[in-house]
PDB file of N, CA and C in Angstrom:
ATOM      1  N   MET A   1     -12.844  -6.737 -33.621  1.00  0.00           N
ATOM      2  CA  MET A   1     -11.734  -7.376 -32.955  1.00  0.00           C
ATOM      3  C   MET A   1     -12.226  -7.995 -31.647  1.00  0.00           C
ATOM      4  N   GLY A   2     -11.841  -9.236 -31.359  1.00  0.00           N
ATOM      5  CA  GLY A   2     -12.271  -9.938 -30.154  1.00  0.00           C
ATOM      6  C   GLY A   2     -11.478  -9.500 -28.932  1.00  0.00           C
ATOM      7  N   MET A   3     -11.850 -10.064 -27.806  1.00  0.00           N
ATOM      8  CA  MET A   3     -11.179  -9.753 -26.548  1.00  0.00           C
ATOM      9  C   MET A   3      -9.760 -10.317 -26.556  1.00  0.00           C
ATOM     10  N   ARG A   4      -8.820  -9.515 -26.132  1.00  0.00           N
ATOM     11  CA  ARG A   4      -7.435  -9.976 -26.038  1.00  0.00           C
ATOM     12  C   ARG A   4      -7.265 -10.777 -24.754  1.00  0.00           C
ATOM     13  N   VAL A   5      -6.481 -11.830 -24.827  1.00  0.00           N
ATOM     14  CA  VAL A   5      -6.227 -12.636 -23.646  1.00  0.00           C
ATOM     15  C   VAL A   5      -4.843 -12.377 -23.070  1.00  0.00           C
ATOM     16  N   ASP A   6      -4.124 -11.465 -23.647  1.00  0.00           N
ATOM     17  CA  ASP A   6      -2.803 -11.113 -23.149  1.00  0.00           C
ATOM     18  C   ASP A   6      -2.580  -9.633 -23.415  1.00  0.00           C
ATOM     19  N   ASN A   7      -1.517  -9.096 -22.865  1.00  0.00           N
ATOM     20  CA  ASN A   7      -1.276  -7.672 -23.034  1.00  0.00           C
ATOM     21  C   ASN A   7      -0.266  -7.360 -24.136  1.00  0.00           C
ATOM     22  N   TYR A   8       0.038  -8.318 -24.983  1.00  0.00           N
ATOM     23  CA  TYR A   8       0.951  -8.066 -26.093  1.00  0.00           C
ATOM     24  C   TYR A   8       0.251  -7.218 -27.148  1.00  0.00           C
ATOM     25  N   VAL A   9       0.950  -6.197 -27.615  1.00  0.00           N
ATOM     26  CA  VAL A   9       0.438  -5.353 -28.693  1.00  0.00           C
ATOM     27  C   VAL A   9       1.512  -5.324 -29.774  1.00  0.00           C
ATOM     28  N   SER A  10       1.119  -5.683 -30.980  1.00  0.00           N
ATOM     29  CA  SER A  10       2.083  -5.685 -32.076  1.00  0.00           C
ATOM     30  C   SER A  10       2.522  -4.247 -32.365  1.00  0.00           C
ATOM     31  N   PRO A  11       3.722  -4.071 -32.912  1.00  0.00           N
ATOM     32  CA  PRO A  11       4.227  -2.715 -33.170  1.00  0.00           C
ATOM     33  C   PRO A  11       3.298  -1.868 -34.039  1.00  0.00           C
ATOM     34  N   GLU A  12       2.634  -2.473 -35.001  1.00  0.00           N
ATOM     35  CA  GLU A  12       1.755  -1.682 -35.875  1.00  0.00           C
ATOM     36  C   GLU A  12       0.446  -1.280 -35.185  1.00  0.00           C
ATOM     37  N   GLU A  13       0.105  -1.932 -34.064  1.00  0.00           N
ATOM     38  CA  GLU A  13      -1.125  -1.594 -33.340  1.00  0.00           C
ATOM     39  C   GLU A  13      -0.896  -0.648 -32.166  1.00  0.00           C
ATOM     40  N   LYS A  14       0.364  -0.376 -31.845  1.00  0.00           N
ATOM     41  CA  LYS A  14       0.659   0.458 -30.679  1.00  0.00           C
ATOM     42  C   LYS A  14       0.084   1.852 -30.844  1.00  0.00           C
ATOM     43  N   LYS A  15      -0.466   2.366 -29.739  1.00  0.00           N
ATOM     44  CA  LYS A  15      -1.019   3.716 -29.712  1.00  0.00           C
ATOM     45  C   LYS A  15      -0.368   4.486 -28.574  1.00  0.00           C
ATOM     46  N   GLU A  16      -0.274   5.771 -28.735  1.00  0.00           N
ATOM     47  CA  GLU A  16       0.234   6.632 -27.672  1.00  0.00           C
ATOM     48  C   GLU A  16      -0.807   6.678 -26.563  1.00  0.00           C
ATOM     49  N   VAL A  17      -0.358   6.507 -25.322  1.00  0.00           N
ATOM     50  CA  VAL A  17      -1.272   6.543 -24.182  1.00  0.00           C
ATOM     51  C   VAL A  17      -1.079   7.866 -23.457  1.00  0.00           C
ATOM     52  N   ASP A  18      -2.195   8.506 -23.148  1.00  0.00           N
ATOM     53  CA  ASP A  18      -2.190   9.793 -22.466  1.00  0.00           C
ATOM     54  C   ASP A  18      -1.484   9.674 -21.111  1.00  0.00           C
ATOM     55  N   ALA A  19      -0.614  10.624 -20.778  1.00  0.00           N
ATOM     56  CA  ALA A  19       0.146  10.605 -19.526  1.00  0.00           C
ATOM     57  C   ALA A  19      -0.780  10.621 -18.311  1.00  0.00           C
ATOM     58  N   ARG A  20      -1.898  11.357 -18.391  1.00  0.00           N
ATOM     59  CA  ARG A  20      -2.846  11.386 -17.263  1.00  0.00           C
ATOM     60  C   ARG A  20      -3.457  10.009 -17.038  1.00  0.00           C
ATOM     61  N   ARG A  21      -3.743   9.320 -18.118  1.00  0.00           N
ATOM     62  CA  ARG A  21      -4.317   7.966 -18.001  1.00  0.00           C
ATOM     63  C   ARG A  21      -3.311   7.015 -17.362  1.00  0.00           C
ATOM     64  N   ILE A  22      -2.060   7.109 -17.760  1.00  0.00           N
ATOM     65  CA  ILE A  22      -1.016   6.265 -17.174  1.00  0.00           C
ATOM     66  C   ILE A  22      -0.903   6.533 -15.682  1.00  0.00           C
ATOM     67  N   LYS A  23      -0.872   7.807 -15.300  1.00  0.00           N
ATOM     68  CA  LYS A  23      -0.765   8.174 -13.883  1.00  0.00           C
ATOM     69  C   LYS A  23      -1.965   7.637 -13.103  1.00  0.00           C
ATOM     70  N   MET A  24      -3.177   7.800 -13.651  1.00  0.00           N
ATOM     71  CA  MET A  24      -4.386   7.329 -12.985  1.00  0.00           C
ATOM     72  C   MET A  24      -4.363   5.809 -12.833  1.00  0.00           C
ATOM     73  N   LEU A  25      -3.934   5.095 -13.864  1.00  0.00           N
ATOM     74  CA  LEU A  25      -3.873   3.640 -13.799  1.00  0.00           C
ATOM     75  C   LEU A  25      -2.844   3.155 -12.782  1.00  0.00           C
ATOM     76  N   LYS A  26      -1.718   3.853 -12.664  1.00  0.00           N
ATOM     77  CA  LYS A  26      -0.706   3.478 -11.673  1.00  0.00           C
ATOM     78  C   LYS A  26      -1.251   3.645 -10.259  1.00  0.00           C
ATOM     79  N   ILE A  27      -1.944   4.754 -10.011  1.00  0.00           N
ATOM     80  CA  ILE A  27      -2.551   4.984  -8.693  1.00  0.00           C
ATOM     81  C   ILE A  27      -3.622   3.929  -8.427  1.00  0.00           C
ATOM     82  N   PHE A  28      -4.485   3.707  -9.407  1.00  0.00           N
ATOM     83  CA  PHE A  28      -5.558   2.721  -9.285  1.00  0.00           C
ATOM     84  C   PHE A  28      -4.981   1.337  -8.991  1.00  0.00           C
ATOM     85  N   SER A  29      -3.910   0.982  -9.686  1.00  0.00           N
ATOM     86  CA  SER A  29      -3.264  -0.312  -9.499  1.00  0.00           C
ATOM     87  C   SER A  29      -2.720  -0.459  -8.083  1.00  0.00           C
ATOM     88  N   LYS A  30      -2.080   0.590  -7.564  1.00  0.00           N
ATOM     89  CA  LYS A  30      -1.519   0.534  -6.210  1.00  0.00           C
ATOM     90  C   LYS A  30      -2.614   0.424  -5.158  1.00  0.00           C
ATOM     91  N   VAL A  31      -3.683   1.196  -5.309  1.00  0.00           N
ATOM     92  CA  VAL A  31      -4.791   1.141  -4.350  1.00  0.00           C
ATOM     93  C   VAL A  31      -5.455  -0.238  -4.395  1.00  0.00           C
ATOM     94  N   ALA A  32      -5.696  -0.757  -5.583  1.00  0.00           N
ATOM     95  CA  ALA A  32      -6.320  -2.079  -5.720  1.00  0.00           C
ATOM     96  C   ALA A  32      -5.430  -3.172  -5.133  1.00  0.00           C
ATOM     97  N   THR A  33      -4.122  -3.060  -5.320  1.00  0.00           N
ATOM     98  CA  THR A  33      -3.192  -4.038  -4.759  1.00  0.00           C
ATOM     99  C   THR A  33      -3.245  -4.026  -3.241  1.00  0.00           C
ATOM    100  N   VAL A  34      -3.206  -2.838  -2.641  1.00  0.00           N
ATOM    101  CA  VAL A  34      -3.277  -2.715  -1.178  1.00  0.00           C
ATOM    102  C   VAL A  34      -4.601  -3.276  -0.654  1.00  0.00           C
ATOM    103  N   MET A  35      -5.707  -2.938  -1.304  1.00  0.00           N
ATOM    104  CA  MET A  35      -7.017  -3.423  -0.852  1.00  0.00           C
ATOM    105  C   MET A  35      -7.114  -4.944  -0.964  1.00  0.00           C
ATOM    106  N   ASN A  36      -6.553  -5.515  -2.005  1.00  0.00           N
ATOM    107  CA  ASN A  36      -6.580  -6.967  -2.162  1.00  0.00           C
ATOM    108  C   ASN A  36      -5.760  -7.644  -1.072  1.00  0.00           C
ATOM    109  N   ILE A  37      -4.598  -7.090  -0.761  1.00  0.00           N
ATOM    110  CA  ILE A  37      -3.773  -7.644   0.317  1.00  0.00           C
ATOM    111  C   ILE A  37      -4.520  -7.550   1.642  1.00  0.00           C
ATOM    112  N   LEU A  38      -5.154  -6.404   1.924  1.00  0.00           N
ATOM    113  CA  LEU A  38      -5.926  -6.249   3.162  1.00  0.00           C
ATOM    114  C   LEU A  38      -7.073  -7.248   3.233  1.00  0.00           C
ATOM    115  N   MET A  39      -7.699  -7.525   2.106  1.00  0.00           N
ATOM    116  CA  MET A  39      -8.788  -8.499   2.080  1.00  0.00           C
ATOM    117  C   MET A  39      -8.288  -9.860   2.567  1.00  0.00           C
ATOM    118  N   TYR A  40      -7.123 -10.269   2.119  1.00  0.00           N
ATOM    119  CA  TYR A  40      -6.605 -11.569   2.521  1.00  0.00           C
ATOM    120  C   TYR A  40      -6.041 -11.551   3.939  1.00  0.00           C
ATOM    121  N   VAL A  41      -5.452 -10.443   4.365  1.00  0.00           N
ATOM    122  CA  VAL A  41      -4.948 -10.336   5.732  1.00  0.00           C
ATOM    123  C   VAL A  41      -6.109 -10.386   6.730  1.00  0.00           C
ATOM    124  N   SER A  42      -7.309 -10.035   6.278  1.00  0.00           N
ATOM    125  CA  SER A  42      -8.471 -10.066   7.172  1.00  0.00           C
ATOM    126  C   SER A  42      -8.839 -11.488   7.589  1.00  0.00           C
ATOM    127  N   TYR A  43      -8.174 -12.493   7.059  1.00  0.00           N
ATOM    128  CA  TYR A  43      -8.378 -13.867   7.519  1.00  0.00           C
ATOM    129  C   TYR A  43      -7.791 -14.093   8.907  1.00  0.00           C
ATOM    130  N   PHE A  44      -6.943 -13.196   9.360  1.00  0.00           N
ATOM    131  CA  PHE A  44      -6.269 -13.377  10.643  1.00  0.00           C
ATOM    132  C   PHE A  44      -7.245 -13.656  11.790  1.00  0.00           C
ATOM    133  N   PRO A  45      -8.364 -12.900  11.936  1.00  0.00           N
ATOM    134  CA  PRO A  45      -9.321 -13.229  13.011  1.00  0.00           C
ATOM    135  C   PRO A  45      -9.923 -14.634  12.861  1.00  0.00           C
ATOM    136  N   GLN A  46     -10.109 -15.096  11.632  1.00  0.00           N
ATOM    137  CA  GLN A  46     -10.638 -16.449  11.439  1.00  0.00           C
ATOM    138  C   GLN A  46      -9.614 -17.502  11.863  1.00  0.00           C
ATOM    139  N   ILE A  47      -8.350 -17.221  11.611  1.00  0.00           N
ATOM    140  CA  ILE A  47      -7.292 -18.141  12.030  1.00  0.00           C
ATOM    141  C   ILE A  47      -7.262 -18.221  13.552  1.00  0.00           C
ATOM    142  N   ILE A  48      -7.370 -17.075  14.217  1.00  0.00           N
ATOM    143  CA  ILE A  48      -7.409 -17.049  15.685  1.00  0.00           C
ATOM    144  C   ILE A  48      -8.626 -17.825  16.187  1.00  0.00           C
ATOM    145  N   SER A  49      -9.763 -17.632  15.537  1.00  0.00           N
ATOM    146  CA  SER A  49     -10.979 -18.361  15.908  1.00  0.00           C
ATOM    147  C   SER A  49     -10.780 -19.868  15.753  1.00  0.00           C
ATOM    148  N   ASN A  50     -10.106 -20.272  14.704  1.00  0.00           N
ATOM    149  CA  ASN A  50      -9.830 -21.698  14.501  1.00  0.00           C
ATOM    150  C   ASN A  50      -8.990 -22.259  15.641  1.00  0.00           C
ATOM    151  N   PHE A  51      -7.949 -21.535  16.043  1.00  0.00           N
ATOM    152  CA  PHE A  51      -7.083 -21.991  17.128  1.00  0.00           C
ATOM    153  C   PHE A  51      -7.780 -21.929  18.482  1.00  0.00           C
ATOM    154  N   SER A  52      -8.814 -21.095  18.592  1.00  0.00           N
ATOM    155  CA  SER A  52      -9.558 -20.964  19.852  1.00  0.00           C
ATOM    156  C   SER A  52     -10.625 -22.042  20.005  1.00  0.00           C
ATOM    157  N   GLY A  53     -10.732 -22.941  19.062  1.00  0.00           N
ATOM    158  CA  GLY A  53     -11.709 -24.012  19.157  1.00  0.00           C
ATOM    159  C   GLY A  53     -13.039 -23.707  18.502  1.00  0.00           C
ATOM    160  N   ASN A  54     -13.138 -22.591  17.779  1.00  0.00           N
ATOM    161  CA  ASN A  54     -14.354 -22.216  17.056  1.00  0.00           C
ATOM    162  C   ASN A  54     -14.053 -22.178  15.561  1.00  0.00           C
ATOM    163  N   PRO A  55     -13.878 -23.354  14.952  1.00  0.00           N
ATOM    164  CA  PRO A  55     -13.463 -23.358  13.544  1.00  0.00           C
ATOM    165  C   PRO A  55     -14.508 -22.749  12.612  1.00  0.00           C
ATOM    166  N   VAL A  56     -14.020 -22.065  11.607  1.00  0.00           N
ATOM    167  CA  VAL A  56     -14.885 -21.453  10.592  1.00  0.00           C
ATOM    168  C   VAL A  56     -15.131 -22.475   9.484  1.00  0.00           C
ATOM    169  N   ASN A  57     -16.050 -22.167   8.601  1.00  0.00           N
ATOM    170  CA  ASN A  57     -16.322 -23.032   7.456  1.00  0.00           C
ATOM    171  C   ASN A  57     -15.094 -23.023   6.531  1.00  0.00           C
ATOM    172  N   PRO A  58     -14.551 -24.181   6.163  1.00  0.00           N
ATOM    173  CA  PRO A  58     -13.332 -24.216   5.350  1.00  0.00           C
ATOM    174  C   PRO A  58     -13.545 -23.904   3.868  1.00  0.00           C
ATOM    175  N   LEU A  59     -14.785 -23.871   3.403  1.00  0.00           N
ATOM    176  CA  LEU A  59     -15.029 -23.702   1.970  1.00  0.00           C
ATOM    177  C   LEU A  59     -14.535 -22.350   1.447  1.00  0.00           C
ATOM    178  N   GLN A  60     -14.876 -21.271   2.119  1.00  0.00           N
ATOM    179  CA  GLN A  60     -14.517 -19.934   1.620  1.00  0.00           C
ATOM    180  C   GLN A  60     -13.001 -19.734   1.547  1.00  0.00           C
ATOM    181  N   PRO A  61     -12.220 -20.057   2.618  1.00  0.00           N
ATOM    182  CA  PRO A  61     -10.769 -19.882   2.478  1.00  0.00           C
ATOM    183  C   PRO A  61     -10.151 -20.809   1.430  1.00  0.00           C
ATOM    184  N   ALA A  62     -10.730 -22.007   1.247  1.00  0.00           N
ATOM    185  CA  ALA A  62     -10.207 -22.916   0.217  1.00  0.00           C
ATOM    186  C   ALA A  62     -10.434 -22.331  -1.172  1.00  0.00           C
ATOM    187  N   VAL A  63     -11.630 -21.806  -1.404  1.00  0.00           N
ATOM    188  CA  VAL A  63     -11.934 -21.200  -2.707  1.00  0.00           C
ATOM    189  C   VAL A  63     -11.082 -19.948  -2.922  1.00  0.00           C
ATOM    190  N   ALA A  64     -10.888 -19.155  -1.865  1.00  0.00           N
ATOM    191  CA  ALA A  64     -10.048 -17.955  -1.980  1.00  0.00           C
ATOM    192  C   ALA A  64      -8.607 -18.330  -2.319  1.00  0.00           C
ATOM    193  N   MET A  65      -8.107 -19.400  -1.700  1.00  0.00           N
ATOM    194  CA  MET A  65      -6.745 -19.855  -1.982  1.00  0.00           C
ATOM    195  C   MET A  65      -6.615 -20.297  -3.443  1.00  0.00           C
ATOM    196  N   ILE A  66      -7.582 -21.052  -3.930  1.00  0.00           N
ATOM    197  CA  ILE A  66      -7.558 -21.495  -5.333  1.00  0.00           C
ATOM    198  C   ILE A  66      -7.650 -20.296  -6.270  1.00  0.00           C
ATOM    199  N   ASN A  67      -8.550 -19.368  -5.958  1.00  0.00           N
ATOM    200  CA  ASN A  67      -8.713 -18.162  -6.774  1.00  0.00           C
ATOM    201  C   ASN A  67      -7.419 -17.348  -6.823  1.00  0.00           C
ATOM    202  N   ALA A  68      -6.795 -17.141  -5.663  1.00  0.00           N
ATOM    203  CA  ALA A  68      -5.545 -16.380  -5.612  1.00  0.00           C
ATOM    204  C   ALA A  68      -4.439 -17.103  -6.381  1.00  0.00           C
ATOM    205  N   SER A  69      -4.421 -18.428  -6.303  1.00  0.00           N
ATOM    206  CA  SER A  69      -3.417 -19.202  -7.051  1.00  0.00           C
ATOM    207  C   SER A  69      -3.601 -19.029  -8.556  1.00  0.00           C
ATOM    208  N   LEU A  70      -4.852 -19.080  -8.997  1.00  0.00           N
ATOM    209  CA  LEU A  70      -5.129 -18.911 -10.429  1.00  0.00           C
ATOM    210  C   LEU A  70      -4.748 -17.512 -10.908  1.00  0.00           C
ATOM    211  N   TRP A  71      -5.091 -16.483 -10.126  1.00  0.00           N
ATOM    212  CA  TRP A  71      -4.742 -15.116 -10.523  1.00  0.00           C
ATOM    213  C   TRP A  71      -3.232 -14.899 -10.508  1.00  0.00           C
ATOM    214  N   THR A  72      -2.538 -15.494  -9.528  1.00  0.00           N
ATOM    215  CA  THR A  72      -1.079 -15.378  -9.486  1.00  0.00           C
ATOM    216  C   THR A  72      -0.471 -16.042 -10.720  1.00  0.00           C
ATOM    217  N   GLY A  73      -0.964 -17.225 -11.053  1.00  0.00           N
ATOM    218  CA  GLY A  73      -0.485 -17.909 -12.258  1.00  0.00           C
ATOM    219  C   GLY A  73      -0.752 -17.111 -13.515  1.00  0.00           C
ATOM    220  N   TYR A  74      -1.938 -16.530 -13.603  1.00  0.00           N
ATOM    221  CA  TYR A  74      -2.289 -15.696 -14.759  1.00  0.00           C
ATOM    222  C   TYR A  74      -1.322 -14.515 -14.882  1.00  0.00           C
ATOM    223  N   GLY A  75      -1.082 -13.820 -13.777  1.00  0.00           N
ATOM    224  CA  GLY A  75      -0.168 -12.676 -13.803  1.00  0.00           C
ATOM    225  C   GLY A  75       1.246 -13.081 -14.169  1.00  0.00           C
ATOM    226  N   TRP A  76       1.653 -14.269 -13.740  1.00  0.00           N
ATOM    227  CA  TRP A  76       3.005 -14.758 -14.010  1.00  0.00           C
ATOM    228  C   TRP A  76       3.171 -15.202 -15.462  1.00  0.00           C
ATOM    229  N   LEU A  77       2.136 -15.799 -16.032  1.00  0.00           N
ATOM    230  CA  LEU A  77       2.254 -16.388 -17.368  1.00  0.00           C
ATOM    231  C   LEU A  77       1.999 -15.411 -18.513  1.00  0.00           C
ATOM    232  N   LYS A  78       1.566 -14.198 -18.217  1.00  0.00           N
ATOM    233  CA  LYS A  78       1.348 -13.223 -19.284  1.00  0.00           C
ATOM    234  C   LYS A  78       2.670 -12.910 -19.976  1.00  0.00           C
ATOM    235  N   THR A  79       2.589 -12.391 -21.173  1.00  0.00           N
ATOM    236  CA  THR A  79       3.800 -12.040 -21.921  1.00  0.00           C
ATOM    237  C   THR A  79       4.706 -11.144 -21.081  1.00  0.00           C
ATOM    238  N   TYR A  80       4.120 -10.137 -20.453  1.00  0.00           N
ATOM    239  CA  TYR A  80       4.841  -9.267 -19.522  1.00  0.00           C
ATOM    240  C   TYR A  80       4.215  -9.499 -18.163  1.00  0.00           C
ATOM    241  N   LYS A  81       5.009  -9.959 -17.200  1.00  0.00           N
ATOM    242  CA  LYS A  81       4.466 -10.293 -15.876  1.00  0.00           C
ATOM    243  C   LYS A  81       3.663  -9.118 -15.316  1.00  0.00           C
ATOM    244  N   ASP A  82       2.488  -9.426 -14.793  1.00  0.00           N
ATOM    245  CA  ASP A  82       1.597  -8.415 -14.227  1.00  0.00           C
ATOM    246  C   ASP A  82       1.817  -8.390 -12.719  1.00  0.00           C
ATOM    247  N   TRP A  83       2.832  -7.612 -12.293  1.00  0.00           N
ATOM    248  CA  TRP A  83       3.254  -7.623 -10.896  1.00  0.00           C
ATOM    249  C   TRP A  83       2.170  -7.203  -9.916  1.00  0.00           C
ATOM    250  N   PRO A  84       1.327  -6.220 -10.199  1.00  0.00           N
ATOM    251  CA  PRO A  84       0.256  -5.918  -9.231  1.00  0.00           C
ATOM    252  C   PRO A  84      -0.658  -7.118  -8.973  1.00  0.00           C
ATOM    253  N   ILE A  85      -0.985  -7.873 -10.003  1.00  0.00           N
ATOM    254  CA  ILE A  85      -1.831  -9.061  -9.817  1.00  0.00           C
ATOM    255  C   ILE A  85      -1.078 -10.126  -9.026  1.00  0.00           C
ATOM    256  N   ILE A  86       0.173 -10.336  -9.344  1.00  0.00           N
ATOM    257  CA  ILE A  86       0.975 -11.347  -8.647  1.00  0.00           C
ATOM    258  C   ILE A  86       1.128 -10.983  -7.173  1.00  0.00           C
ATOM    259  N   ILE A  87       1.592  -9.764  -6.912  1.00  0.00           N
ATOM    260  CA  ILE A  87       1.859  -9.329  -5.537  1.00  0.00           C
ATOM    261  C   ILE A  87       0.596  -9.320  -4.690  1.00  0.00           C
ATOM    262  N   SER A  88      -0.505  -8.876  -5.261  1.00  0.00           N
ATOM    263  CA  SER A  88      -1.724  -8.765  -4.461  1.00  0.00           C
ATOM    264  C   SER A  88      -2.381 -10.107  -4.181  1.00  0.00           C
ATOM    265  N   ASN A  89      -2.048 -11.145  -4.914  1.00  0.00           N
ATOM    266  CA  ASN A  89      -2.682 -12.446  -4.698  1.00  0.00           C
ATOM    267  C   ASN A  89      -1.820 -13.443  -3.933  1.00  0.00           C
ATOM    268  N   ILE A  90      -0.533 -13.195  -3.799  1.00  0.00           N
ATOM    269  CA  ILE A  90       0.316 -14.100  -3.013  1.00  0.00           C
ATOM    270  C   ILE A  90      -0.169 -14.199  -1.563  1.00  0.00           C
ATOM    271  N   PRO A  91      -0.548 -13.095  -0.893  1.00  0.00           N
ATOM    272  CA  PRO A  91      -1.095 -13.242   0.464  1.00  0.00           C
ATOM    273  C   PRO A  91      -2.364 -14.098   0.495  1.00  0.00           C
ATOM    274  N   GLY A  92      -3.144 -14.077  -0.571  1.00  0.00           N
ATOM    275  CA  GLY A  92      -4.354 -14.896  -0.636  1.00  0.00           C
ATOM    276  C   GLY A  92      -4.039 -16.380  -0.620  1.00  0.00           C
ATOM    277  N   ILE A  93      -2.963 -16.754  -1.290  1.00  0.00           N
ATOM    278  CA  ILE A  93      -2.551 -18.158  -1.274  1.00  0.00           C
ATOM    279  C   ILE A  93      -2.152 -18.542   0.148  1.00  0.00           C
ATOM    280  N   PHE A  94      -1.306 -17.718   0.746  1.00  0.00           N
ATOM    281  CA  PHE A  94      -0.784 -18.010   2.084  1.00  0.00           C
ATOM    282  C   PHE A  94      -1.887 -18.005   3.143  1.00  0.00           C
ATOM    283  N   PHE A  95      -2.651 -16.901   3.233  1.00  0.00           N
ATOM    284  CA  PHE A  95      -3.664 -16.800   4.284  1.00  0.00           C
ATOM    285  C   PHE A  95      -4.851 -17.724   4.030  1.00  0.00           C
ATOM    286  N   GLY A  96      -5.209 -17.955   2.770  1.00  0.00           N
ATOM    287  CA  GLY A  96      -6.276 -18.909   2.475  1.00  0.00           C
ATOM    288  C   GLY A  96      -5.886 -20.313   2.917  1.00  0.00           C
ATOM    289  N   MET A  97      -4.640 -20.712   2.603  1.00  0.00           N
ATOM    290  CA  MET A  97      -4.164 -22.033   2.997  1.00  0.00           C
ATOM    291  C   MET A  97      -4.061 -22.136   4.519  1.00  0.00           C
ATOM    292  N   LEU A  98      -3.517 -21.107   5.156  1.00  0.00           N
ATOM    293  CA  LEU A  98      -3.366 -21.116   6.609  1.00  0.00           C
ATOM    294  C   LEU A  98      -4.725 -21.210   7.301  1.00  0.00           C
ATOM    295  N   THR A  99      -5.697 -20.450   6.824  1.00  0.00           N
ATOM    296  CA  THR A  99      -7.036 -20.501   7.405  1.00  0.00           C
ATOM    297  C   THR A  99      -7.656 -21.875   7.193  1.00  0.00           C
ATOM    298  N   PHE A 100      -7.520 -22.415   5.997  1.00  0.00           N
ATOM    299  CA  PHE A 100      -8.075 -23.738   5.684  1.00  0.00           C
ATOM    300  C   PHE A 100      -7.456 -24.812   6.575  1.00  0.00           C
ATOM    301  N   VAL A 101      -6.138 -24.811   6.691  1.00  0.00           N
ATOM    302  CA  VAL A 101      -5.446 -25.841   7.475  1.00  0.00           C
ATOM    303  C   VAL A 101      -5.802 -25.730   8.955  1.00  0.00           C
ATOM    304  N   THR A 102      -5.873 -24.507   9.479  1.00  0.00           N
ATOM    305  CA  THR A 102      -6.143 -24.347  10.911  1.00  0.00           C
ATOM    306  C   THR A 102      -7.572 -24.716  11.291  1.00  0.00           C
ATOM    307  N   VAL A 103      -8.473 -24.836  10.318  1.00  0.00           N
ATOM    308  CA  VAL A 103      -9.831 -25.322  10.619  1.00  0.00           C
ATOM    309  C   VAL A 103      -9.735 -26.724  11.222  1.00  0.00           C
ATOM    310  N   PHE A 104      -8.786 -27.510  10.742  1.00  0.00           N
ATOM    311  CA  PHE A 104      -8.668 -28.904  11.158  1.00  0.00           C
ATOM    312  C   PHE A 104      -7.660 -29.113  12.286  1.00  0.00           C
ATOM    313  N   ILE A 105      -6.969 -28.051  12.708  1.00  0.00           N
ATOM    314  CA  ILE A 105      -5.980 -28.146  13.792  1.00  0.00           C
ATOM    315  C   ILE A 105      -6.436 -27.239  14.932  1.00  0.00           C
ATOM    316  N   HIS A 106      -7.317 -27.710  15.741  1.00  0.00           N
ATOM    317  CA  HIS A 106      -7.769 -26.886  16.880  1.00  0.00           C
ATOM    318  C   HIS A 106      -7.936 -27.715  18.123  1.00  0.00           C
TER     319      HIS A 106
END
């Protein structure tokens, strides 16, 4: 069987998932979501640097913004919306764009 590109499972393929695994995945998902949000919030010092007249290289925040947009779209377009992916990447769109724009406004 090849790699699945969505999380849909047909009724005949459904398997019982161990409760411990579900609990571990929920914790893992929450920690990963928080860490991803913190990663994007860490652009704040770069934004301040941009406004202080020391602009940063615009390539990295532009790529981060595009990456976050793609992941948000992926999470939104799945059969069942993947809220941890969506929620954790929305700050990346905002802070990536803000950092990119402020490079040119100093």
